[in-house]
Amino acid sequence: MDCWKGWATGWDRDQEGDGMYVFQYNAGQGWRIKGQGSAIECGQLGITIDPDDPPPFCY
């Protein structure tokens, strides 16, 4: 699992392949799934990439 600024990734042990799940934490709702796949595009999730502190799960 990788965590970054209220975001986290996880994998389903029973799933074949390299797809991961992306979750976002919200204080009022807890962790919610926001995407799934083998290549996560930050822009589609509304994540702005900071070149000094990039998320470890986006390309």
PDB file of N, CA and C in Angstrom:
ATOM      1  N   MET A   1       0.848  -1.173   0.000  1.00  0.00           N
ATOM      2  CA  MET A   1       0.000   0.000   0.000  1.00  0.00           C
ATOM      3  C   MET A   1       0.892   1.234   0.000  1.00  0.00           C
ATOM      4  N   ASP A   2       0.541   2.192  -0.840  1.00  0.00           N
ATOM      5  CA  ASP A   2       1.193   3.495  -0.846  1.00  0.00           C
ATOM      6  C   ASP A   2       0.188   4.525  -0.360  1.00  0.00           C
ATOM      7  N   CYS A   3       0.617   5.425   0.513  1.00  0.00           N
ATOM      8  CA  CYS A   3      -0.247   6.507   0.998  1.00  0.00           C
ATOM      9  C   CYS A   3       0.393   7.840   0.649  1.00  0.00           C
ATOM     10  N   TRP A   4      -0.459   8.819   0.369  1.00  0.00           N
ATOM     11  CA  TRP A   4       0.023  10.149   0.000  1.00  0.00           C
ATOM     12  C   TRP A   4      -1.101  11.160   0.192  1.00  0.00           C
ATOM     13  N   LYS A   5      -0.960  12.064   1.138  1.00  0.00           N
ATOM     14  CA  LYS A   5      -1.865  13.215   1.329  1.00  0.00           C
ATOM     15  C   LYS A   5      -3.351  12.845   1.252  1.00  0.00           C
ATOM     16  N   GLY A   6      -3.788  11.891   2.010  1.00  0.00           N
ATOM     17  CA  GLY A   6      -5.200  11.517   2.030  1.00  0.00           C
ATOM     18  C   GLY A   6      -5.610  10.550   0.938  1.00  0.00           C
ATOM     19  N   TRP A   7      -4.649  10.044   0.182  1.00  0.00           N
ATOM     20  CA  TRP A   7      -4.904   9.064  -0.869  1.00  0.00           C
ATOM     21  C   TRP A   7      -4.136   7.784  -0.530  1.00  0.00           C
ATOM     22  N   ALA A   8      -4.637   6.651  -0.967  1.00  0.00           N
ATOM     23  CA  ALA A   8      -3.958   5.379  -0.738  1.00  0.00           C
ATOM     24  C   ALA A   8      -4.280   4.419  -1.874  1.00  0.00           C
ATOM     25  N   THR A   9      -3.392   3.453  -2.065  1.00  0.00           N
ATOM     26  CA  THR A   9      -3.630   2.406  -3.051  1.00  0.00           C
ATOM     27  C   THR A   9      -3.647   1.057  -2.351  1.00  0.00           C
ATOM     28  N   GLY A  10      -4.327   0.117  -2.942  1.00  0.00           N
ATOM     29  CA  GLY A  10      -4.369  -1.234  -2.406  1.00  0.00           C
ATOM     30  C   GLY A  10      -4.666  -2.222  -3.521  1.00  0.00           C
ATOM     31  N   TRP A  11      -4.392  -3.475  -3.255  1.00  0.00           N
ATOM     32  CA  TRP A  11      -4.592  -4.526  -4.250  1.00  0.00           C
ATOM     33  C   TRP A  11      -5.473  -5.612  -3.687  1.00  0.00           C
ATOM     34  N   ASP A  12      -6.236  -6.238  -4.526  1.00  0.00           N
ATOM     35  CA  ASP A  12      -7.061  -7.388  -4.169  1.00  0.00           C
ATOM     36  C   ASP A  12      -6.208  -8.636  -4.373  1.00  0.00           C
ATOM     37  N   ARG A  13      -5.928  -9.364  -3.322  1.00  0.00           N
ATOM     38  CA  ARG A  13      -5.059 -10.543  -3.412  1.00  0.00           C
ATOM     39  C   ARG A  13      -5.614 -11.611  -4.346  1.00  0.00           C
ATOM     40  N   ASP A  14      -6.922 -11.637  -4.521  1.00  0.00           N
ATOM     41  CA  ASP A  14      -7.544 -12.649  -5.370  1.00  0.00           C
ATOM     42  C   ASP A  14      -7.604 -12.251  -6.842  1.00  0.00           C
ATOM     43  N   GLN A  15      -7.295 -10.996  -7.139  1.00  0.00           N
ATOM     44  CA  GLN A  15      -7.361 -10.508  -8.515  1.00  0.00           C
ATOM     45  C   GLN A  15      -6.089 -10.874  -9.269  1.00  0.00           C
ATOM     46  N   GLU A  16      -6.247 -11.372 -10.466  1.00  0.00           N
ATOM     47  CA  GLU A  16      -5.087 -11.631 -11.307  1.00  0.00           C
ATOM     48  C   GLU A  16      -4.728 -10.347 -12.045  1.00  0.00           C
ATOM     49  N   GLY A  17      -3.463 -10.146 -12.310  1.00  0.00           N
ATOM     50  CA  GLY A  17      -3.027  -8.942 -13.016  1.00  0.00           C
ATOM     51  C   GLY A  17      -2.465  -7.920 -12.058  1.00  0.00           C
ATOM     52  N   ASP A  18      -2.202  -6.726 -12.588  1.00  0.00           N
ATOM     53  CA  ASP A  18      -1.528  -5.704 -11.790  1.00  0.00           C
ATOM     54  C   ASP A  18      -2.413  -4.506 -11.468  1.00  0.00           C
ATOM     55  N   GLY A  19      -3.717  -4.643 -11.595  1.00  0.00           N
ATOM     56  CA  GLY A  19      -4.616  -3.528 -11.302  1.00  0.00           C
ATOM     57  C   GLY A  19      -4.652  -3.201  -9.824  1.00  0.00           C
ATOM     58  N   MET A  20      -4.625  -1.921  -9.505  1.00  0.00           N
ATOM     59  CA  MET A  20      -4.712  -1.499  -8.114  1.00  0.00           C
ATOM     60  C   MET A  20      -5.962  -0.647  -7.928  1.00  0.00           C
ATOM     61  N   TYR A  21      -6.358  -0.492  -6.692  1.00  0.00           N
ATOM     62  CA  TYR A  21      -7.486   0.355  -6.324  1.00  0.00           C
ATOM     63  C   TYR A  21      -6.931   1.622  -5.702  1.00  0.00           C
ATOM     64  N   VAL A  22      -7.564   2.754  -5.989  1.00  0.00           N
ATOM     65  CA  VAL A  22      -7.154   4.031  -5.421  1.00  0.00           C
ATOM     66  C   VAL A  22      -8.293   4.528  -4.533  1.00  0.00           C
ATOM     67  N   PHE A  23      -7.938   4.901  -3.306  1.00  0.00           N
ATOM     68  CA  PHE A  23      -8.905   5.372  -2.323  1.00  0.00           C
ATOM     69  C   PHE A  23      -8.552   6.791  -1.900  1.00  0.00           C
ATOM     70  N   GLN A  24      -9.600   7.559  -1.551  1.00  0.00           N
ATOM     71  CA  GLN A  24      -9.391   8.898  -1.001  1.00  0.00           C
ATOM     72  C   GLN A  24     -10.068   8.953   0.356  1.00  0.00           C
ATOM     73  N   TYR A  25      -9.400   9.602   1.319  1.00  0.00           N
ATOM     74  CA  TYR A  25      -9.965   9.740   2.658  1.00  0.00           C
ATOM     75  C   TYR A  25     -10.679  11.071   2.789  1.00  0.00           C
ATOM     76  N   ASN A  26     -11.887  11.028   3.348  1.00  0.00           N
ATOM     77  CA  ASN A  26     -12.672  12.217   3.643  1.00  0.00           C
ATOM     78  C   ASN A  26     -13.110  12.085   5.095  1.00  0.00           C
ATOM     79  N   ALA A  27     -12.866  13.104   5.897  1.00  0.00           N
ATOM     80  CA  ALA A  27     -13.168  13.024   7.334  1.00  0.00           C
ATOM     81  C   ALA A  27     -14.634  12.690   7.610  1.00  0.00           C
ATOM     82  N   GLY A  28     -15.538  13.126   6.769  1.00  0.00           N
ATOM     83  CA  GLY A  28     -16.953  12.862   6.990  1.00  0.00           C
ATOM     84  C   GLY A  28     -17.425  11.508   6.485  1.00  0.00           C
ATOM     85  N   GLN A  29     -16.692  10.911   5.547  1.00  0.00           N
ATOM     86  CA  GLN A  29     -17.143   9.672   4.925  1.00  0.00           C
ATOM     87  C   GLN A  29     -16.171   8.513   5.083  1.00  0.00           C
ATOM     88  N   GLY A  30     -14.950   8.775   5.489  1.00  0.00           N
ATOM     89  CA  GLY A  30     -13.936   7.722   5.590  1.00  0.00           C
ATOM     90  C   GLY A  30     -13.296   7.470   4.240  1.00  0.00           C
ATOM     91  N   TRP A  31     -12.803   6.265   4.029  1.00  0.00           N
ATOM     92  CA  TRP A  31     -12.127   5.897   2.780  1.00  0.00           C
ATOM     93  C   TRP A  31     -13.145   5.508   1.723  1.00  0.00           C
ATOM     94  N   ARG A  32     -13.001   6.062   0.532  1.00  0.00           N
ATOM     95  CA  ARG A  32     -13.883   5.765  -0.598  1.00  0.00           C
ATOM     96  C   ARG A  32     -13.033   5.420  -1.815  1.00  0.00           C
ATOM     97  N   ILE A  33     -13.442   4.421  -2.557  1.00  0.00           N
ATOM     98  CA  ILE A  33     -12.725   4.044  -3.770  1.00  0.00           C
ATOM     99  C   ILE A  33     -12.969   5.110  -4.844  1.00  0.00           C
ATOM    100  N   LYS A  34     -11.894   5.519  -5.509  1.00  0.00           N
ATOM    101  CA  LYS A  34     -11.976   6.567  -6.523  1.00  0.00           C
ATOM    102  C   LYS A  34     -11.553   6.093  -7.896  1.00  0.00           C
ATOM    103  N   GLY A  35     -10.886   4.954  -7.982  1.00  0.00           N
ATOM    104  CA  GLY A  35     -10.454   4.451  -9.270  1.00  0.00           C
ATOM    105  C   GLY A  35      -9.825   3.085  -9.142  1.00  0.00           C
ATOM    106  N   GLN A  36      -9.608   2.459 -10.301  1.00  0.00           N
ATOM    107  CA  GLN A  36      -9.010   1.134 -10.321  1.00  0.00           C
ATOM    108  C   GLN A  36      -8.354   0.934 -11.666  1.00  0.00           C
ATOM    109  N   GLY A  37      -7.201   0.276 -11.683  1.00  0.00           N
ATOM    110  CA  GLY A  37      -6.522  -0.015 -12.931  1.00  0.00           C
ATOM    111  C   GLY A  37      -5.029  -0.179 -12.742  1.00  0.00           C
ATOM    112  N   SER A  38      -4.340  -0.419 -13.840  1.00  0.00           N
ATOM    113  CA  SER A  38      -2.897  -0.633 -13.757  1.00  0.00           C
ATOM    114  C   SER A  38      -2.112   0.653 -13.995  1.00  0.00           C
ATOM    115  N   ALA A  39      -2.746   1.681 -14.522  1.00  0.00           N
ATOM    116  CA  ALA A  39      -2.098   2.969 -14.766  1.00  0.00           C
ATOM    117  C   ALA A  39      -3.067   4.072 -14.348  1.00  0.00           C
ATOM    118  N   ILE A  40      -2.761   4.737 -13.259  1.00  0.00           N
ATOM    119  CA  ILE A  40      -3.654   5.753 -12.707  1.00  0.00           C
ATOM    120  C   ILE A  40      -3.246   7.131 -13.220  1.00  0.00           C
ATOM    121  N   GLU A  41      -4.197   7.857 -13.792  1.00  0.00           N
ATOM    122  CA  GLU A  41      -3.969   9.220 -14.261  1.00  0.00           C
ATOM    123  C   GLU A  41      -4.475  10.183 -13.196  1.00  0.00           C
ATOM    124  N   CYS A  42      -3.566  10.907 -12.583  1.00  0.00           N
ATOM    125  CA  CYS A  42      -3.928  11.812 -11.496  1.00  0.00           C
ATOM    126  C   CYS A  42      -4.958  12.858 -11.914  1.00  0.00           C
ATOM    127  N   GLY A  43      -4.806  13.404 -13.103  1.00  0.00           N
ATOM    128  CA  GLY A  43      -5.723  14.442 -13.573  1.00  0.00           C
ATOM    129  C   GLY A  43      -7.175  13.985 -13.591  1.00  0.00           C
ATOM    130  N   GLN A  44      -7.407  12.729 -13.924  1.00  0.00           N
ATOM    131  CA  GLN A  44      -8.773  12.210 -13.953  1.00  0.00           C
ATOM    132  C   GLN A  44      -9.365  12.078 -12.551  1.00  0.00           C
ATOM    133  N   LEU A  45      -8.505  12.006 -11.541  1.00  0.00           N
ATOM    134  CA  LEU A  45      -8.973  11.913 -10.162  1.00  0.00           C
ATOM    135  C   LEU A  45      -9.012  13.278  -9.480  1.00  0.00           C
ATOM    136  N   GLY A  46      -8.602  14.328 -10.196  1.00  0.00           N
ATOM    137  CA  GLY A  46      -8.587  15.663  -9.626  1.00  0.00           C
ATOM    138  C   GLY A  46      -7.359  15.947  -8.773  1.00  0.00           C
ATOM    139  N   ILE A  47      -6.302  15.156  -8.951  1.00  0.00           N
ATOM    140  CA  ILE A  47      -5.066  15.339  -8.191  1.00  0.00           C
ATOM    141  C   ILE A  47      -4.110  16.201  -9.003  1.00  0.00           C
ATOM    142  N   THR A  48      -3.666  17.312  -8.417  1.00  0.00           N
ATOM    143  CA  THR A  48      -2.669  18.166  -9.040  1.00  0.00           C
ATOM    144  C   THR A  48      -1.301  17.638  -8.637  1.00  0.00           C
ATOM    145  N   ILE A  49      -0.450  17.392  -9.607  1.00  0.00           N
ATOM    146  CA  ILE A  49       0.862  16.825  -9.318  1.00  0.00           C
ATOM    147  C   ILE A  49       1.841  17.934  -8.973  1.00  0.00           C
ATOM    148  N   ASP A  50       2.397  17.858  -7.771  1.00  0.00           N
ATOM    149  CA  ASP A  50       3.439  18.757  -7.309  1.00  0.00           C
ATOM    150  C   ASP A  50       4.777  18.100  -7.654  1.00  0.00           C
ATOM    151  N   PRO A  51       5.595  18.702  -8.518  1.00  0.00           N
ATOM    152  CA  PRO A  51       6.853  18.064  -8.911  1.00  0.00           C
ATOM    153  C   PRO A  51       7.801  17.826  -7.729  1.00  0.00           C
ATOM    154  N   ASP A  52       7.653  18.584  -6.642  1.00  0.00           N
ATOM    155  CA  ASP A  52       8.494  18.398  -5.465  1.00  0.00           C
ATOM    156  C   ASP A  52       7.985  17.296  -4.542  1.00  0.00           C
ATOM    157  N   ASP A  53       6.735  16.902  -4.697  1.00  0.00           N
ATOM    158  CA  ASP A  53       6.140  15.852  -3.860  1.00  0.00           C
ATOM    159  C   ASP A  53       5.076  15.102  -4.666  1.00  0.00           C
ATOM    160  N   PRO A  54       5.491  14.373  -5.701  1.00  0.00           N
ATOM    161  CA  PRO A  54       4.510  13.694  -6.559  1.00  0.00           C
ATOM    162  C   PRO A  54       3.897  12.471  -5.878  1.00  0.00           C
ATOM    163  N   PRO A  55       2.649  12.159  -6.203  1.00  0.00           N
ATOM    164  CA  PRO A  55       2.043  10.951  -5.654  1.00  0.00           C
ATOM    165  C   PRO A  55       2.761   9.718  -6.218  1.00  0.00           C
ATOM    166  N   PRO A  56       2.960   8.697  -5.399  1.00  0.00           N
ATOM    167  CA  PRO A  56       3.722   7.536  -5.842  1.00  0.00           C
ATOM    168  C   PRO A  56       2.939   6.586  -6.753  1.00  0.00           C
ATOM    169  N   PHE A  57       1.667   6.836  -6.955  1.00  0.00           N
ATOM    170  CA  PHE A  57       0.829   5.898  -7.694  1.00  0.00           C
ATOM    171  C   PHE A  57       0.325   6.420  -9.024  1.00  0.00           C
ATOM    172  N   CYS A  58       0.697   7.621  -9.409  1.00  0.00           N
ATOM    173  CA  CYS A  58       0.235   8.213 -10.665  1.00  0.00           C
ATOM    174  C   CYS A  58       1.375   8.262 -11.679  1.00  0.00           C
ATOM    175  N   TYR A  59       0.968   8.402 -12.926  1.00  0.00           N
ATOM    176  CA  TYR A  59       1.980   8.609 -13.956  1.00  0.00           C
ATOM    177  C   TYR A  59       1.712   9.895 -14.671  1.00  0.00           C
TER     178      TYR A  59
END
